[in-house]
Amino acid sequence: MSNPAFTFDHIHIISQNPHDAANWYVQMFGAEIVADKVAYGAPQMFLDLGGKTLVIRGHRAGEAPTPARPIQPFANFSSHNAWGTDHFGFLYHGDLRAFHDELRAKGVQFPVELKQGNGGHLLCYVSAPVVLRCGQICFTIHEQLSC
C-alpha cells in the first residue's frame, strides 16, 4: 500500500513571462488563476487545472535557466531523450479528438500527432509555446476510456 501521508500538491514551471504563460493555460485549457504573488523577487502565479495546481514563476536573481530539449517522436513512443521529467499527463473526460481539433484551431502546437497509446487510449502531446519562455513544457492528455 502506498504511503497515505503523501498526496500530490503541484507542478512548478519557470517562465520568463509567467503572466503570459498563466493566461495561455487559461485560454487554451480553461485553467483558473487562483493567486498572483511575488516570491523571492519573482512573479509567481497559481493556477487550478482539473483540481491540480500549476505554479508558474519568473526568473529569480542568480538563476540562469537553460531550455529543455524538445520532445521528439521515436518508432513507437515519444521522449525528450534526456534524464529527468519527460512530461506531465492529464486525463480528459470527453471527446479528445474534438478537443485536439479545438486546440489546433487556437494555434496550440503538437510535437507529436494525436496517436493511440498503450492500452488503446488516445494520447495528445501538447507543447507550451516557446514565446512564453517556459522551455519545452510538454504534457499529454489521455483519453478516458469507458469500462
Foldseek 3Di string as FASTA:
>chain_A
DDDPVDDDAEAEFEWQAQVVLVVVCCVLQVKAFPDWDADQRWIWTWIAGPNYIYIYIYDHPPDDDDAQAAWADDDQGIFSPDPDDTAAEAEDEDDVVVSLVVNVVVVWDFNDPWDAHPPGWIKTKTFRDCVRVRHGHIYIYTYDDDD
